[in-house]
C-alpha atoms as a PDB file:
ATOM      1  CA  MET A   1      45.073 -77.945   6.343  1.00  0.00           C
ATOM      2  CA  ALA A   2      46.878 -75.825   3.998  1.00  0.00           C
ATOM      3  CA  PRO A   3      46.201 -72.511   5.075  1.00  0.00           C
ATOM      4  CA  ARG A   4      46.768 -68.886   2.901  1.00  0.00           C
ATOM      5  CA  HIS A   5      49.930 -67.525   4.201  1.00  0.00           C
ATOM      6  CA  PHE A   6      49.669 -63.874   5.138  1.00  0.00           C
ATOM      7  CA  ASP A   7      52.179 -61.105   5.201  1.00  0.00           C
ATOM      8  CA  GLY A   8      50.949 -57.524   6.751  1.00  0.00           C
ATOM      9  CA  GLU A   9      53.514 -55.562   5.464  1.00  0.00           C
ATOM     10  CA  GLY A  10      52.519 -56.995   1.833  1.00  0.00           C
ATOM     11  CA  LEU A  11      49.172 -56.288   2.181  1.00  0.00           C
ATOM     12  CA  ARG A  12      49.988 -52.462   3.397  1.00  0.00           C
ATOM     13  CA  ARG A  13      51.953 -52.117  -0.206  1.00  0.00           C
ATOM     14  CA  ALA A  14      48.853 -53.629  -2.297  1.00  0.00           C
ATOM     15  CA  ARG A  15      46.758 -51.299  -0.365  1.00  0.00           C
ATOM     16  CA  ARG A  16      49.152 -47.901  -1.035  1.00  0.00           C
ATOM     17  CA  ARG A  17      49.291 -49.123  -4.409  1.00  0.00           C
ATOM     18  CA  THR A  18      45.742 -48.733  -4.950  1.00  0.00           C
ATOM     19  CA  GLU A  19      45.558 -45.382  -2.974  1.00  0.00           C
ATOM     20  CA  LEU A  20      42.530 -46.762  -0.755  1.00  0.00           C
ATOM     21  CA  SER A  21      42.666 -46.238   2.717  1.00  0.00           C
ATOM     22  CA  GLN A  22      42.100 -48.741   5.789  1.00  0.00           C
ATOM     23  CA  ARG A  23      38.708 -47.214   6.735  1.00  0.00           C
ATOM     24  CA  GLN A  24      37.725 -47.776   2.675  1.00  0.00           C
ATOM     25  CA  VAL A  25      38.760 -51.404   2.720  1.00  0.00           C
ATOM     26  CA  ALA A  26      36.745 -51.751   5.600  1.00  0.00           C
ATOM     27  CA  LYS A  27      33.906 -50.684   4.592  1.00  0.00           C
ATOM     28  CA  GLY A  28      34.349 -52.346   1.108  1.00  0.00           C
ATOM     29  CA  LEU A  29      34.805 -55.594   3.518  1.00  0.00           C
ATOM     30  CA  GLY A  30      31.456 -54.742   5.929  1.00  0.00           C
ATOM     31  CA  LEU A  31      33.895 -53.776   8.731  1.00  0.00           C
ATOM     32  CA  SER A  32      31.984 -51.007  10.670  1.00  0.00           C
ATOM     33  CA  SER A  33      36.357 -49.228  12.084  1.00  0.00           C
ATOM     34  CA  HIS A  34      39.769 -49.886  10.516  1.00  0.00           C
ATOM     35  CA  VAL A  35      40.940 -50.877  13.581  1.00  0.00           C
ATOM     36  CA  PRO A  36      41.169 -54.619  12.094  1.00  0.00           C
ATOM     37  CA  VAL A  37      42.529 -53.127   8.498  1.00  0.00           C
ATOM     38  CA  ALA A  38      45.430 -51.606  10.647  1.00  0.00           C
ATOM     39  CA  ARG A  39      45.924 -54.693  12.866  1.00  0.00           C
ATOM     40  CA  TRP A  40      46.398 -56.585  10.145  1.00  0.00           C
ATOM     41  CA  GLU A  41      48.889 -54.632   8.261  1.00  0.00           C
ATOM     42  CA  MET A  42      50.998 -54.377  12.080  1.00  0.00           C
ATOM     43  CA  GLY A  43      50.752 -58.189  11.836  1.00  0.00           C
ATOM     44  CA  GLN A  44      48.748 -57.921  15.024  1.00  0.00           C
ATOM     45  CA  ARG A  45      45.527 -59.938  13.798  1.00  0.00           C
ATOM     46  CA  PHE A  46      45.483 -61.906  10.456  1.00  0.00           C
ATOM     47  CA  PRO A  47      42.164 -61.666   8.462  1.00  0.00           C
ATOM     48  CA  PRO A  48      39.644 -64.043   8.759  1.00  0.00           C
ATOM     49  CA  ALA A  49      40.165 -66.949   6.174  1.00  0.00           C
ATOM     50  CA  GLU A  50      36.809 -66.482   4.582  1.00  0.00           C
ATOM     51  CA  LYS A  51      37.621 -62.811   3.986  1.00  0.00           C
ATOM     52  CA  MET A  52      40.521 -62.749   2.201  1.00  0.00           C
ATOM     53  CA  VAL A  53      39.632 -63.121  -1.533  1.00  0.00           C
ATOM     54  CA  ARG A  54      37.272 -60.353  -0.637  1.00  0.00           C
ATOM     55  CA  LEU A  55      39.751 -58.340   0.145  1.00  0.00           C
ATOM     56  CA  ALA A  56      42.291 -59.602  -2.271  1.00  0.00           C
ATOM     57  CA  GLY A  57      39.857 -58.582  -4.878  1.00  0.00           C
ATOM     58  CA  ILE A  58      39.096 -54.958  -3.467  1.00  0.00           C
ATOM     59  CA  LEU A  59      43.221 -54.282  -3.924  1.00  0.00           C
ATOM     60  CA  GLY A  60      42.828 -55.658  -7.486  1.00  0.00           C
ATOM     61  CA  VAL A  61      45.665 -58.061  -6.929  1.00  0.00           C
ATOM     62  CA  ASP A  62      45.137 -62.368  -7.489  1.00  0.00           C
ATOM     63  CA  VAL A  63      44.528 -63.851  -4.022  1.00  0.00           C
ATOM     64  CA  ASP A  64      47.354 -66.638  -4.950  1.00  0.00           C
ATOM     65  CA  GLU A  65      49.747 -63.398  -4.533  1.00  0.00           C
ATOM     66  CA  LEU A  66      48.570 -61.851  -1.670  1.00  0.00           C
ATOM     67  CA  PHE A  67      47.572 -64.446   0.734  1.00  0.00           C
ATOM     68  CA  PRO A  68      49.472 -67.668  -1.585  1.00  0.00           C
ATOM     69  CA  ARG A  69      49.019 -71.180   0.154  1.00  0.00           C
ATOM     70  CA  GLU A  70      51.170 -73.997  -0.184  1.00  0.00           C
ATOM     71  CA  GLY A  71      49.547 -77.457  -0.915  1.00  0.00           C
ATOM     72  CA  PRO A  72      46.280 -78.117  -2.162  1.00  0.00           C
ATOM     73  CA  CYS A  73      42.545 -77.388  -0.216  1.00  0.00           C
ATOM     74  CA  ASP A  74      40.880 -79.498   2.372  1.00  0.00           C
ATOM     75  CA  LEU A  75      37.115 -78.669   3.354  1.00  0.00           C
ATOM     76  CA  VAL A  76      37.932 -75.334   5.312  1.00  0.00           C
ATOM     77  CA  ASP A  77      40.340 -73.695   2.505  1.00  0.00           C
ATOM     78  CA  LEU A  78      37.341 -74.196  -0.284  1.00  0.00           C
ATOM     79  CA  ARG A  79      34.631 -72.706   2.147  1.00  0.00           C
ATOM     80  CA  SER A  80      37.042 -69.952   3.062  1.00  0.00           C
ATOM     81  CA  ASP A  81      37.988 -69.521  -0.714  1.00  0.00           C
ATOM     82  CA  ALA A  82      34.510 -69.075  -1.556  1.00  0.00           C
ATOM     83  CA  GLY A  83      33.974 -66.729   0.729  1.00  0.00           C
ATOM     84  CA  TYR A  84      31.246 -68.362   3.753  1.00  0.00           C
ATOM     85  CA  THR A  85      31.435 -69.042   7.636  1.00  0.00           C
ATOM     86  CA  GLN A  86      29.937 -72.024   8.274  1.00  0.00           C
ATOM     87  CA  LYS A  87      26.670 -70.775   9.360  1.00  0.00           C
ATOM     88  CA  ALA A  88      26.356 -68.231   6.183  1.00  0.00           C
ATOM     89  CA  ALA A  89      27.292 -71.838   3.933  1.00  0.00           C
ATOM     90  CA  ALA A  90      25.018 -73.849   5.872  1.00  0.00           C
ATOM     91  CA  ASP A  91      22.104 -71.630   5.105  1.00  0.00           C
ATOM     92  CA  GLU A  92      22.639 -71.724   1.349  1.00  0.00           C
ATOM     93  CA  VAL A  93      22.848 -75.790   1.248  1.00  0.00           C
ATOM     94  CA  GLU A  94      19.407 -77.553   1.809  1.00  0.00           C
ATOM     95  CA  GLY A  95      20.350 -80.268   4.109  1.00  0.00           C
ATOM     96  CA  LEU A  96      23.033 -78.332   5.649  1.00  0.00           C
ATOM     97  CA  THR A  97      23.907 -77.405   8.683  1.00  0.00           C
ATOM     98  CA  LYS A  98      26.655 -75.158  10.589  1.00  0.00           C
ATOM     99  CA  TYR A  99      27.221 -78.522  12.981  1.00  0.00           C
ATOM    100  CA  ILE A 100      26.817 -81.132   9.908  1.00  0.00           C
ATOM    101  CA  LEU A 101      29.509 -78.854   8.429  1.00  0.00           C
ATOM    102  CA  GLY A 102      31.822 -78.280  11.242  1.00  0.00           C
ATOM    103  CA  ASP A 103      31.811 -82.389  11.745  1.00  0.00           C
ATOM    104  CA  ALA A 104      32.759 -82.762   8.256  1.00  0.00           C
ATOM    105  CA  GLU A 105      35.602 -79.609   8.586  1.00  0.00           C
ATOM    106  CA  GLY A 106      37.013 -81.119  12.098  1.00  0.00           C
ATOM    107  CA  GLY A 107      37.198 -84.699  10.824  1.00  0.00           C
ATOM    108  CA  ARG A 108      34.752 -86.383  12.621  1.00  0.00           C
ATOM    109  CA  ARG A 109      31.802 -87.257   9.712  1.00  0.00           C
ATOM    110  CA  ARG A 110      32.021 -86.772   6.892  1.00  0.00           C
ATOM    111  CA  LEU A 111      28.982 -85.333   4.756  1.00  0.00           C
ATOM    112  CA  LYS A 112      26.339 -87.190   3.121  1.00  0.00           C
ATOM    113  CA  PRO A 113      26.607 -88.132  -0.788  1.00  0.00           C
ATOM    114  CA  HIS A 114      23.711 -85.776  -1.094  1.00  0.00           C
ATOM    115  CA  LEU A 115      25.021 -82.962   0.323  1.00  0.00           C
ATOM    116  CA  ILE A 116      27.951 -82.896  -2.135  1.00  0.00           C
ATOM    117  CA  GLU A 117      27.208 -81.525  -5.592  1.00  0.00           C
ATOM    118  CA  PRO A 118      25.203 -78.487  -3.880  1.00  0.00           C
ATOM    119  CA  LEU A 119      27.882 -77.941  -1.652  1.00  0.00           C
ATOM    120  CA  SER A 120      30.635 -77.893  -4.641  1.00  0.00           C
ATOM    121  CA  ARG A 121      28.313 -76.163  -6.213  1.00  0.00           C
ATOM    122  CA  LEU A 122      28.252 -73.258  -3.783  1.00  0.00           C
ATOM    123  CA  TYR A 123      32.186 -73.288  -3.446  1.00  0.00           C
ATOM    124  CA  GLY A 124      32.690 -72.770  -7.210  1.00  0.00           C
ATOM    125  CA  VAL A 125      34.474 -76.103  -7.780  1.00  0.00           C
ATOM    126  CA  ASP A 126      33.788 -79.935  -9.366  1.00  0.00           C
ATOM    127  CA  PRO A 127      32.198 -82.635  -7.071  1.00  0.00           C
ATOM    128  CA  ASP A 128      35.376 -84.392  -7.324  1.00  0.00           C
ATOM    129  CA  ALA A 129      37.460 -81.415  -5.631  1.00  0.00           C
ATOM    130  CA  LEU A 130      35.108 -81.224  -3.067  1.00  0.00           C
ATOM    131  CA  GLU A 131      35.234 -85.068  -2.035  1.00  0.00           C
ATOM    132  CA  ALA A 132      39.210 -84.953  -2.710  1.00  0.00           C
ATOM    133  CA  ALA A 133      39.215 -81.757  -0.338  1.00  0.00           C
ATOM    134  CA  GLU A 134      37.314 -84.082   2.253  1.00  0.00           C
ATOM    135  CA  ASP A 135      39.579 -86.631   1.969  1.00  0.00           C
ATOM    136  CA  ARG A 136      42.589 -84.492   2.844  1.00  0.00           C
ATOM    137  CA  THR A 137      40.576 -83.204   5.718  1.00  0.00           C
ATOM    138  CA  PHE A 138      40.071 -86.788   6.887  1.00  0.00           C
ATOM    139  CA  GLY A 139      43.583 -87.632   6.587  1.00  0.00           C
ATOM    140  CA  VAL A 140      43.575 -89.593   3.118  1.00  0.00           C
ATOM    141  CA  THR A 141      46.497 -88.977   0.648  1.00  0.00           C
ATOM    142  CA  VAL A 142      45.097 -87.442  -2.694  1.00  0.00           C
ATOM    143  CA  PRO A 143      47.189 -88.102  -5.457  1.00  0.00           C
ATOM    144  CA  PRO A 144      47.550 -84.469  -7.226  1.00  0.00           C
ATOM    145  CA  PRO A 145      45.902 -84.047 -10.274  1.00  0.00           C
ATOM    146  CA  ALA A 146      47.866 -84.435 -13.988  1.00  0.00           C
ATOM    147  CA  PRO A 147      48.212 -80.764 -15.064  1.00  0.00           C
ATOM    148  CA  ARG A 148      45.994 -80.282 -17.618  1.00  0.00           C
ATOM    149  CA  LYS A 149      47.272 -79.708 -21.241  1.00  0.00           C
ATOM    150  CA  PRO A 150      46.008 -77.396 -23.683  1.00  0.00           C
ATOM    151  CA  PRO A 151      43.879 -78.652 -26.217  1.00  0.00           C
ATOM    152  CA  ASN A 152      45.828 -78.125 -29.390  1.00  0.00           C
ATOM    153  CA  LEU A 153      44.165 -77.035 -32.657  1.00  0.00           C
ATOM    154  CA  ALA A 154      43.619 -80.633 -34.395  1.00  0.00           C
ATOM    155  CA  GLU A 155      41.539 -80.879 -31.020  1.00  0.00           C
ATOM    156  CA  LYS A 156      39.936 -77.828 -31.275  1.00  0.00           C
ATOM    157  CA  LEU A 157      38.743 -77.832 -34.750  1.00  0.00           C
ATOM    158  CA  ASN A 158      37.702 -81.464 -34.205  1.00  0.00           C
ATOM    159  CA  GLU A 159      35.314 -79.880 -31.510  1.00  0.00           C
ATOM    160  CA  LEU A 160      34.178 -77.102 -33.887  1.00  0.00           C
ATOM    161  CA  VAL A 161      33.428 -79.894 -36.436  1.00  0.00           C
ATOM    162  CA  ARG A 162      31.404 -82.054 -34.208  1.00  0.00           C
ATOM    163  CA  ARG A 163      29.185 -79.176 -32.872  1.00  0.00           C
ATOM    164  CA  ALA A 164      28.360 -77.946 -36.071  1.00  0.00           C
ATOM    165  CA  PHE A 165      28.064 -81.085 -38.268  1.00  0.00           C
ATOM    166  CA  ARG A 166      25.369 -83.612 -37.759  1.00  0.00           C
ATOM    167  CA  ASP A 167      27.456 -85.979 -39.472  1.00  0.00           C
ATOM    168  CA  ASP A 168      31.245 -86.079 -40.093  1.00  0.00           C
ATOM    169  CA  PRO A 169      32.041 -84.146 -42.955  1.00  0.00           C
ATOM    170  CA  THR A 170      35.038 -85.133 -45.514  1.00  0.00           C
ATOM    171  CA  PRO A 171      37.571 -83.027 -45.791  1.00  0.00           C
ATOM    172  CA  GLU A 172      36.509 -82.085 -49.038  1.00  0.00           C
ATOM    173  CA  VAL A 173      33.080 -81.071 -47.276  1.00  0.00           C
ATOM    174  CA  LEU A 174      34.156 -79.069 -45.081  1.00  0.00           C
ATOM    175  CA  ALA A 175      37.076 -77.196 -47.259  1.00  0.00           C
ATOM    176  CA  GLU A 176      34.055 -76.445 -49.697  1.00  0.00           C
ATOM    177  CA  ALA A 177      31.811 -74.837 -46.632  1.00  0.00           C
ATOM    178  CA  VAL A 178      34.329 -72.786 -45.321  1.00  0.00           C
ATOM    179  CA  ASN A 179      35.515 -71.328 -48.341  1.00  0.00           C
ATOM    180  CA  ALA A 180      32.078 -71.112 -49.859  1.00  0.00           C
ATOM    181  CA  LYS A 181      31.343 -68.617 -46.408  1.00  0.00           C
ATOM    182  CA  THR A 182      34.265 -66.847 -46.502  1.00  0.00           C
ATOM    183  CA  GLY A 183      36.042 -66.363 -48.955  1.00  0.00           C
ATOM    184  CA  THR A 184      39.530 -68.369 -48.062  1.00  0.00           C
ATOM    185  CA  ARG A 185      41.203 -71.121 -50.459  1.00  0.00           C
ATOM    186  CA  LEU A 186      41.299 -74.128 -48.325  1.00  0.00           C
ATOM    187  CA  THR A 187      42.408 -77.560 -50.040  1.00  0.00           C
ATOM    188  CA  ALA A 188      40.566 -80.622 -48.380  1.00  0.00           C
ATOM    189  CA  ALA A 189      44.628 -81.617 -47.860  1.00  0.00           C
ATOM    190  CA  GLN A 190      44.974 -78.844 -45.967  1.00  0.00           C
ATOM    191  CA  VAL A 191      41.941 -79.247 -43.677  1.00  0.00           C
ATOM    192  CA  GLU A 192      42.719 -82.938 -43.587  1.00  0.00           C
ATOM    193  CA  ALA A 193      46.300 -81.928 -42.218  1.00  0.00           C
ATOM    194  CA  LEU A 194      45.195 -79.490 -39.469  1.00  0.00           C
ATOM    195  CA  LEU A 195      42.566 -82.234 -38.540  1.00  0.00           C
ATOM    196  CA  THR A 196      44.999 -84.885 -37.872  1.00  0.00           C
ATOM    197  CA  GLY A 197      47.302 -82.626 -36.113  1.00  0.00           C
ATOM    198  CA  MET A 198      49.937 -80.690 -38.127  1.00  0.00           C
ATOM    199  CA  SER A 199      50.230 -77.122 -36.982  1.00  0.00           C
ATOM    200  CA  ALA A 200      49.340 -74.222 -39.031  1.00  0.00           C
ATOM    201  CA  GLU A 201      52.689 -73.036 -39.965  1.00  0.00           C
ATOM    202  CA  ASP A 202      53.385 -76.406 -41.491  1.00  0.00           C
ATOM    203  CA  VAL A 203      50.588 -76.528 -43.377  1.00  0.00           C
ATOM    204  CA  PHE A 204      50.760 -73.056 -44.922  1.00  0.00           C
ATOM    205  CA  THR A 205      53.664 -70.919 -45.735  1.00  0.00           C
ATOM    206  CA  GLY A 206      53.702 -66.889 -44.740  1.00  0.00           C
ATOM    207  CA  ARG A 207      50.449 -64.634 -43.689  1.00  0.00           C
ATOM    208  CA  THR A 208      48.555 -67.791 -45.486  1.00  0.00           C
ATOM    209  CA  ALA A 209      47.942 -69.673 -42.446  1.00  0.00           C
ATOM    210  CA  GLU A 210      46.581 -65.887 -40.614  1.00  0.00           C
ATOM    211  CA  VAL A 211      44.293 -66.202 -43.374  1.00  0.00           C
ATOM    212  CA  ALA A 212      43.283 -69.672 -43.024  1.00  0.00           C
ATOM    213  CA  ILE A 213      43.065 -69.714 -39.387  1.00  0.00           C
ATOM    214  CA  ALA A 214      40.812 -66.082 -39.814  1.00  0.00           C
ATOM    215  CA  GLY A 215      38.887 -68.019 -42.247  1.00  0.00           C
ATOM    216  CA  LEU A 216      38.147 -70.756 -39.579  1.00  0.00           C
ATOM    217  CA  ALA A 217      37.460 -68.715 -36.418  1.00  0.00           C
ATOM    218  CA  ALA A 218      34.647 -66.277 -38.775  1.00  0.00           C
ATOM    219  CA  PHE A 219      33.306 -69.851 -40.016  1.00  0.00           C
ATOM    220  CA  PHE A 220      32.812 -71.733 -36.903  1.00  0.00           C
ATOM    221  CA  ASP A 221      31.889 -68.027 -35.238  1.00  0.00           C
ATOM    222  CA  VAL A 222      34.734 -68.466 -32.836  1.00  0.00           C
ATOM    223  CA  PRO A 223      37.449 -65.766 -31.789  1.00  0.00           C
ATOM    224  CA  GLN A 224      40.515 -65.953 -33.917  1.00  0.00           C
ATOM    225  CA  LEU A 225      42.394 -66.296 -30.614  1.00  0.00           C
ATOM    226  CA  ALA A 226      39.988 -69.432 -30.056  1.00  0.00           C
ATOM    227  CA  LEU A 227      42.233 -71.273 -32.280  1.00  0.00           C
ATOM    228  CA  GLU A 228      45.743 -69.875 -31.450  1.00  0.00           C
ATOM    229  CA  ASN A 229      48.558 -71.371 -29.102  1.00  0.00           C
ATOM    230  CA  SER A 230      48.899 -70.333 -25.641  1.00  0.00           C
ATOM    231  CA  VAL A 231      51.786 -68.283 -26.815  1.00  0.00           C
ATOM    232  CA  GLY A 232      50.202 -66.618 -29.755  1.00  0.00           C
ATOM    233  CA  VAL A 233      46.912 -65.860 -27.412  1.00  0.00           C
ATOM    234  CA  GLU A 234      49.350 -64.588 -24.742  1.00  0.00           C
ATOM    235  CA  LEU A 235      50.878 -62.379 -27.024  1.00  0.00           C
ATOM    236  CA  HIS A 236      47.558 -60.731 -28.438  1.00  0.00           C
ATOM    237  CA  VAL A 237      46.369 -60.265 -25.278  1.00  0.00           C
ATOM    238  CA  LEU A 238      49.527 -58.048 -24.388  1.00  0.00           C
ATOM    239  CA  SER A 239      49.160 -55.967 -27.482  1.00  0.00           C
ATOM    240  CA  GLY A 240      45.682 -55.335 -26.857  1.00  0.00           C
ATOM    241  CA  LEU A 241      46.341 -54.165 -23.606  1.00  0.00           C
ATOM    242  CA  GLN A 242      49.650 -51.964 -24.412  1.00  0.00           C
ATOM    243  CA  HIS A 243      47.100 -50.437 -27.489  1.00  0.00           C
ATOM    244  CA  LEU A 244      44.123 -49.865 -24.399  1.00  0.00           C
ATOM    245  CA  ALA A 245      46.553 -48.088 -21.998  1.00  0.00           C
ATOM    246  CA  ALA A 246      47.864 -45.824 -25.018  1.00  0.00           C
ATOM    247  CA  HIS A 247      44.389 -45.539 -25.996  1.00  0.00           C
ATOM    248  CA  ARG A 248      43.258 -44.288 -22.224  1.00  0.00           C
ATOM    249  CA  GLY A 249      46.881 -42.670 -22.060  1.00  0.00           C
ATOM    250  CA  ILE A 250      47.140 -44.364 -18.745  1.00  0.00           C
ATOM    251  CA  ASP A 251      50.495 -46.584 -17.569  1.00  0.00           C
ATOM    252  CA  LEU A 252      49.969 -50.440 -18.144  1.00  0.00           C
ATOM    253  CA  ALA A 253      52.806 -51.318 -15.544  1.00  0.00           C
ATOM    254  CA  ALA A 254      52.600 -50.038 -12.201  1.00  0.00           C
ATOM    255  CA  ARG A 255      55.781 -47.911 -11.423  1.00  0.00           C
ATOM    256  CA  GLY A 256      58.319 -48.428  -8.315  1.00  0.00           C
ATOM    257  CA  GLY A 257      59.688 -51.912  -7.575  1.00  0.00           C
ATOM    258  CA  ASP A 258      56.305 -54.245  -7.429  1.00  0.00           C
ATOM    259  CA  GLY A 259      56.059 -54.340 -10.415  1.00  0.00           C
ATOM    260  CA  GLY A 260      52.321 -55.987 -11.578  1.00  0.00           C
ATOM    261  CA  VAL A 261      49.602 -53.883 -13.363  1.00  0.00           C
ATOM    262  CA  SER A 262      49.352 -50.231 -12.529  1.00  0.00           C
ATOM    263  CA  PRO A 263      46.128 -48.853 -10.592  1.00  0.00           C
ATOM    264  CA  GLU A 264      44.638 -47.664 -13.266  1.00  0.00           C
ATOM    265  CA  MET A 265      44.612 -49.671 -15.688  1.00  0.00           C
ATOM    266  CA  LEU A 266      43.177 -52.584 -12.849  1.00  0.00           C
ATOM    267  CA  ALA A 267      40.486 -49.938 -12.443  1.00  0.00           C
ATOM    268  CA  VAL A 268      39.378 -49.729 -16.403  1.00  0.00           C
ATOM    269  CA  LEU A 269      40.233 -53.503 -16.276  1.00  0.00           C
ATOM    270  CA  ASN A 270      37.620 -54.120 -13.506  1.00  0.00           C
ATOM    271  CA  ASP A 271      34.760 -51.417 -15.054  1.00  0.00           C
ATOM    272  CA  LEU A 272      34.950 -53.286 -18.821  1.00  0.00           C
ATOM    273  CA  LEU A 273      34.707 -56.804 -16.748  1.00  0.00           C
ATOM    274  CA  SER A 274      31.480 -55.262 -15.108  1.00  0.00           C
ATOM    275  CA  ARG A 275      29.965 -54.507 -18.028  1.00  0.00           C
ATOM    276  CA  THR A 276      30.764 -58.296 -19.987  1.00  0.00           C
ATOM    277  CA  PRO A 277      27.546 -60.805 -19.996  1.00  0.00           C
ATOM    278  CA  ALA A 278      28.937 -62.926 -17.826  1.00  0.00           C
ATOM    279  CA  SER A 279      29.922 -60.977 -14.983  1.00  0.00           C
ATOM    280  CA  ARG A 280      26.515 -59.306 -14.707  1.00  0.00           C
ATOM    281  CA  GLU A 281      24.520 -63.052 -14.785  1.00  0.00           C
ATOM    282  CA  ALA A 282      27.043 -63.936 -12.424  1.00  0.00           C
ATOM    283  CA  LYS A 283      25.204 -60.853 -10.187  1.00  0.00           C
END
C-alpha cells in the first residue's frame, strides 16, 4: 500500500491561506465538531484516507501536493482517493458487499470479473488501472506504465481529418475545403507537410504559421489551443490567467513564502469551473 504522507503543519498553512476556520473546514467535511481538524493540524491524528481528497478540495490545493504519495495505488488507495468508505463503495455497486471488498483489499480473495468495470467506474479509473491496483494488493509486481507522450500536430490533424471526412481526402481536397471555409491560403504541399509530421514553424514563416493554425482550428471547430504544443498551451493559459487576474483586480500568485495561486484567484477559478457544462453534468 502507498498511503499518502500527512503533515499537520502543512495542513494548517493551507487552511490559513484560504482564511477558513477549523470549524468551517469541519463543516465542509460533514463533521459535527472542529476538534478532529485541530488534532490533525497538531499531528495527533491523521484524517481518514477517504477524506483527504475532499479536504484538499475545500482548501483549494491539489491532493498530491497537500498529501503526496510515493508509489502507485492499491485497492485501498483507489477507494480512498474516490472518497468512499468500504460500506459506501459497496452500496454503490450491485453484487458488491463490504465483506467482499474487504477481502479484496486485504489480499485474501480477488474481485469477481463482473465487479471490475462498475467498481472502476465508481472510482473514476480505467478497468486496467483497477486490475493493476488489485495485483499490487495481492503482492504482484506491476511494471509502471510508460509515460504517455502528448500527440504532436500531425497526430492531432490526422485524427480531426478522420472525424470530419467519411473518406480519406487528398491534401488538395483538404486545402481547398479549409480555404473555402476560413479564407486561409493553404497549399496542398503545406497540408501534406503538416499531416506527415512537420511542425507549423517549419512549414510556414513568421505569423503565417499562427494564421494557418487558426484557420485549421476554425475549420475543424476546435479551440486553437487544441493544435498548439504543450509549451504553447501553457503560455496561452498563463497569459489568460494573468489577464483575468488583472481584470478582476486580484493577485494571481499567493503572497508569502508558500507561493502558489492566491486564494482570491482560486475562488474565481472554482466559480468558473462550477459554471461549465462539464461540471454541471458531473453533479
